[in-house]
Amino acid sequence: MSEKGKGLLAIWSTVASDFETDYLHWLTREHVFERVGIPGFRSGCVYRRHDSVPSEYLILYELDNASVMSSPEYRARLDDPTPWTQLVMPRLQHFRRGGGALVAQFGHPDAIGAHLAVARLPEDQPKVSLNRLDGVALLDRVTRLRVMSVASEATAISTREKTMRKSAEGTFSGIVAIDALDSGSLAKGVSMAADIAPGYNYFETYELVFSFSKSAAVLADVAI
């Protein structure tokens, strides 16, 4: 288990097909870079859910810790959205957002797999022995497993961006995320996690679309 206490912010939205290219341009030409530029944000990864029509996207931001979600710098961005963000927010459907602290992480902390499975945990999810999940990250071609517990107060903070979205935010108590190198290995990891914790049977699968990290930006500056 490594880097317990690091923060994770998960954001889901569904995007109509006639808006999808604009949405992806916003994410990959402005929004993810803007967010990762905020103090305390480490990286951002964008995923598309398998076979979703219209497309459902998941953004996972890694944070120094959960308190970043209520930091003055992040709040300032949420209350002063860019003109492009103001155009995008009302178009997002089925929006879900939740962030908090990692309560468990197995495998290499920076081992991003191209294939991801995520389970959003309901409020009544029973407690399980997290140490038993270590074996999932030891499977061939599975790179890591993370468990995040939502910090409800920080997630529920009212912001200008939130008022711009037309749909109410879906709620959940936490997530389990499994990274893998291919879909077959991911399926084995999901099966093992569900066997260990029968409540972990809400997994959806995704493919990586885009990623950016603060460390990559630093390396680029050094190279220049």
Protein backbone atom coordinates (compact mmCIF):
# COMPACT_ATOMS: atom_id res chain seq x y z
CA MET A 1 0.00 0.00 0.00
CA SER A 2 1.41 3.41 -0.96
CA GLU A 3 0.65 7.13 -0.73
CA LYS A 4 -2.37 6.67 1.51
CA GLY A 5 -4.03 10.05 2.02
CA LYS A 6 -3.32 11.44 -1.42
CA GLY A 7 -6.41 13.02 -2.97
CA LEU A 8 -8.47 11.99 -5.98
CA LEU A 9 -11.26 13.87 -7.75
CA ALA A 10 -13.59 11.97 -10.10
CA ILE A 11 -15.92 13.74 -12.55
CA TRP A 12 -18.38 12.08 -14.94
CA SER A 13 -20.46 13.62 -17.69
CA THR A 14 -22.31 12.49 -20.81
CA VAL A 15 -21.80 14.49 -24.01
CA ALA A 16 -24.10 14.62 -27.03
CA SER A 17 -22.47 13.48 -30.29
CA ASP A 18 -22.88 16.85 -32.00
CA PHE A 19 -20.92 18.50 -29.16
CA GLU A 20 -18.28 15.82 -28.55
CA THR A 21 -15.45 17.29 -30.63
CA ASP A 22 -15.91 20.71 -29.03
CA TYR A 23 -15.93 19.07 -25.59
CA LEU A 24 -12.69 17.19 -26.29
CA HIS A 25 -11.01 20.32 -27.66
CA TRP A 26 -12.00 22.17 -24.46
CA LEU A 27 -10.58 19.40 -22.28
CA THR A 28 -7.32 18.88 -24.20
CA ARG A 29 -6.61 22.48 -25.19
CA GLU A 30 -7.61 24.35 -22.03
CA HIS A 31 -9.45 22.72 -19.14
CA VAL A 32 -7.15 19.91 -18.00
CA PHE A 33 -4.10 22.17 -18.27
CA GLU A 34 -5.89 24.87 -16.27
CA ARG A 35 -6.86 22.46 -13.52
CA VAL A 36 -3.44 20.79 -13.25
CA GLY A 37 -1.94 24.28 -13.00
CA ILE A 38 -3.77 24.83 -9.69
CA PRO A 39 -1.55 24.29 -6.61
CA GLY A 40 -2.15 20.81 -5.21
CA PHE A 41 -3.29 19.25 -8.50
CA ARG A 42 -0.81 16.63 -9.74
CA SER A 43 -2.34 15.23 -12.92
CA GLY A 44 -5.49 14.81 -14.95
CA CYS A 45 -6.62 11.81 -17.03
CA VAL A 46 -9.59 11.71 -19.37
CA TYR A 47 -11.34 8.39 -20.11
CA ARG A 48 -14.22 7.36 -22.37
CA ARG A 49 -16.62 4.63 -21.24
CA HIS A 50 -16.68 1.55 -23.48
CA ASP A 51 -19.56 1.43 -25.96
CA SER A 52 -21.35 4.42 -24.44
CA VAL A 53 -23.84 6.16 -26.75
CA PRO A 54 -23.89 9.09 -26.34
CA SER A 55 -20.33 9.14 -25.02
CA GLU A 56 -19.76 9.15 -21.28
CA TYR A 57 -16.47 10.63 -20.06
CA LEU A 58 -14.63 10.34 -16.77
CA ILE A 59 -11.92 12.76 -15.61
CA LEU A 60 -9.67 11.67 -12.74
CA TYR A 61 -7.52 14.33 -11.10
CA GLU A 62 -4.80 13.31 -8.65
CA LEU A 63 -4.34 15.76 -5.77
CA ASP A 64 -1.70 16.24 -3.09
CA ASN A 65 -4.48 15.62 -0.56
CA ALA A 66 -8.24 15.96 -0.22
CA SER A 67 -8.03 19.47 1.27
CA VAL A 68 -7.06 20.81 -2.17
CA MET A 69 -10.75 20.54 -3.11
CA SER A 70 -11.59 23.36 -0.70
CA SER A 71 -8.42 25.41 -1.25
CA PRO A 72 -8.74 29.13 -2.09
CA GLU A 73 -6.95 28.61 -5.41
CA TYR A 74 -9.34 25.90 -6.59
CA ARG A 75 -12.39 27.77 -5.33
CA ALA A 76 -11.24 30.84 -7.25
CA ARG A 77 -11.20 28.87 -10.52
CA LEU A 78 -14.62 27.35 -9.84
CA ASP A 79 -16.08 30.79 -9.17
CA ASP A 80 -14.44 32.44 -12.19
CA PRO A 81 -14.85 30.00 -15.11
CA THR A 82 -13.25 30.83 -18.44
CA PRO A 83 -15.50 31.89 -21.36
CA TRP A 84 -14.98 28.44 -22.92
CA THR A 85 -15.96 26.71 -19.68
CA GLN A 86 -19.10 28.85 -19.50
CA LEU A 87 -20.11 27.53 -22.92
CA VAL A 88 -19.41 23.89 -22.01
CA MET A 89 -20.97 23.55 -18.55
CA PRO A 90 -24.64 23.88 -19.60
CA ARG A 91 -24.12 21.16 -22.27
CA LEU A 92 -22.95 18.45 -19.86
CA GLN A 93 -25.47 15.72 -19.03
CA HIS A 94 -25.67 13.19 -16.17
CA PHE A 95 -22.98 15.05 -14.26
CA ARG A 96 -21.42 13.30 -11.25
CA ARG A 97 -18.59 14.64 -9.12
CA GLY A 98 -16.90 13.42 -5.97
CA GLY A 99 -13.48 13.76 -4.43
CA GLY A 100 -11.67 12.83 -1.28
CA ALA A 101 -8.72 10.94 0.14
CA LEU A 102 -7.22 7.68 -1.05
CA VAL A 103 -7.79 5.16 1.73
CA ALA A 104 -5.87 2.44 -0.12
CA GLN A 105 -3.58 2.16 -3.12
CA PHE A 106 -1.77 -0.94 -4.38
CA GLY A 107 0.71 -1.14 -7.23
CA HIS A 108 2.87 1.69 -8.53
CA PRO A 109 1.24 5.06 -7.68
CA ASP A 110 1.99 6.53 -11.12
CA ALA A 111 1.28 3.43 -13.24
CA ILE A 112 -1.51 4.67 -15.53
CA GLY A 113 -3.05 1.87 -17.56
CA ALA A 114 -4.79 2.44 -20.89
CA HIS A 115 -7.75 0.43 -19.58
CA LEU A 116 -9.64 1.40 -16.42
CA ALA A 117 -12.52 -0.05 -14.42
CA VAL A 118 -14.32 2.11 -11.85
CA ALA A 119 -17.03 1.28 -9.34
CA ARG A 120 -18.95 4.10 -7.70
CA LEU A 121 -19.78 2.92 -4.19
CA PRO A 122 -23.25 3.50 -2.73
CA GLU A 123 -23.77 5.17 0.63
CA ASP A 124 -24.61 1.85 2.30
CA GLN A 125 -21.49 0.04 1.03
CA PRO A 126 -20.32 -2.37 3.77
CA LYS A 127 -16.78 -2.11 5.09
CA VAL A 128 -14.24 -4.56 3.67
CA SER A 129 -10.66 -5.45 4.51
CA LEU A 130 -8.74 -3.24 2.10
CA ASN A 131 -5.54 -5.25 2.53
CA ARG A 132 -7.21 -8.18 0.78
CA LEU A 133 -7.35 -6.08 -2.42
CA ASP A 134 -3.54 -6.12 -2.67
CA GLY A 135 -3.72 -9.27 -4.77
CA VAL A 136 -5.63 -7.48 -7.55
CA ALA A 137 -2.64 -5.24 -8.29
CA LEU A 138 -0.37 -8.31 -8.39
CA LEU A 139 -2.26 -9.84 -11.31
CA ASP A 140 -0.45 -9.91 -14.65
CA ARG A 141 -0.83 -6.65 -16.58
CA VAL A 142 -2.78 -4.93 -13.79
CA THR A 143 -0.85 -1.83 -12.77
CA ARG A 144 -2.65 -0.49 -9.71
CA LEU A 145 -5.82 -0.41 -7.63
CA ARG A 146 -7.07 2.65 -5.76
CA VAL A 147 -9.88 3.17 -3.25
CA MET A 148 -11.10 6.72 -2.60
CA SER A 149 -13.56 7.85 0.06
CA VAL A 150 -15.60 10.94 -0.85
CA ALA A 151 -15.24 14.02 1.35
CA SER A 152 -18.88 15.10 1.21
CA GLU A 153 -18.47 18.61 2.63
CA ALA A 154 -15.75 19.61 0.17
CA THR A 155 -17.63 18.06 -2.76
CA ALA A 156 -20.86 19.88 -1.89
CA ILE A 157 -19.37 23.39 -1.79
CA SER A 158 -21.51 25.80 -3.85
CA THR A 159 -19.66 27.42 -6.77
CA ARG A 160 -20.51 29.41 -9.89
CA GLU A 161 -19.63 26.46 -12.12
CA LYS A 162 -22.11 24.27 -10.27
CA THR A 163 -24.94 26.74 -10.88
CA MET A 164 -24.23 26.67 -14.63
CA ARG A 165 -24.94 22.95 -14.98
CA LYS A 166 -28.56 22.06 -15.75
CA SER A 167 -28.68 18.64 -14.09
CA ALA A 168 -28.24 17.81 -10.41
CA GLU A 169 -25.00 16.10 -9.43
CA GLY A 170 -25.20 12.38 -8.75
CA THR A 171 -23.79 11.32 -5.37
CA PHE A 172 -21.70 8.35 -4.23
CA SER A 173 -19.63 7.52 -1.16
CA GLY A 174 -16.38 6.50 -2.87
CA ILE A 175 -14.80 4.73 -5.81
CA VAL A 176 -12.66 1.69 -6.55
CA ALA A 177 -10.46 2.13 -9.64
CA ILE A 178 -8.38 -0.57 -11.34
CA ASP A 179 -5.78 0.20 -14.04
CA ALA A 180 -4.63 -2.43 -16.52
CA LEU A 181 -2.72 -2.76 -19.78
CA ASP A 182 -5.46 -4.58 -21.71
CA SER A 183 -9.16 -5.38 -21.43
CA GLY A 184 -8.70 -9.08 -20.63
CA SER A 185 -6.42 -8.36 -17.67
CA LEU A 186 -8.81 -5.66 -16.51
CA ALA A 187 -11.69 -8.16 -16.53
CA LYS A 188 -9.66 -10.52 -14.32
CA GLY A 189 -8.94 -7.69 -11.89
CA VAL A 190 -12.62 -6.74 -11.73
CA SER A 191 -13.63 -10.36 -11.12
CA MET A 192 -11.12 -10.75 -8.30
CA ALA A 193 -12.15 -7.48 -6.64
CA ALA A 194 -15.82 -8.53 -6.78
CA ASP A 195 -14.97 -11.91 -5.23
CA ILE A 196 -13.10 -10.25 -2.37
CA ALA A 197 -15.79 -7.62 -1.77
CA PRO A 198 -19.18 -8.68 -3.18
CA GLY A 199 -20.41 -5.09 -2.94
CA TYR A 200 -17.83 -4.08 -5.55
CA ASN A 201 -19.97 -5.17 -8.48
CA TYR A 202 -20.77 -1.79 -10.00
CA PHE A 203 -17.74 -1.61 -12.30
CA GLU A 204 -17.83 0.28 -15.59
CA THR A 205 -14.92 0.07 -18.04
CA TYR A 206 -13.11 2.89 -19.81
CA GLU A 207 -10.25 3.61 -22.21
CA LEU A 208 -7.70 6.37 -21.69
CA VAL A 209 -8.17 9.31 -24.08
CA PHE A 210 -5.77 11.95 -22.74
CA SER A 211 -3.48 12.62 -19.79
CA PHE A 212 -1.36 15.48 -18.49
CA SER A 213 0.75 15.75 -15.35
CA LYS A 214 2.48 18.59 -13.60
CA SER A 215 5.73 16.62 -13.67
CA ALA A 216 5.47 16.35 -17.47
CA ALA A 217 5.13 20.13 -17.69
CA VAL A 218 8.24 20.59 -15.54
CA LEU A 219 10.23 18.19 -17.72
CA ALA A 220 9.09 20.04 -20.85
CA ASP A 221 10.31 23.33 -19.40
CA VAL A 222 13.67 21.79 -18.57
CA ALA A 223 14.01 20.39 -22.11
CA ILE A 224 13.29 23.79 -23.62
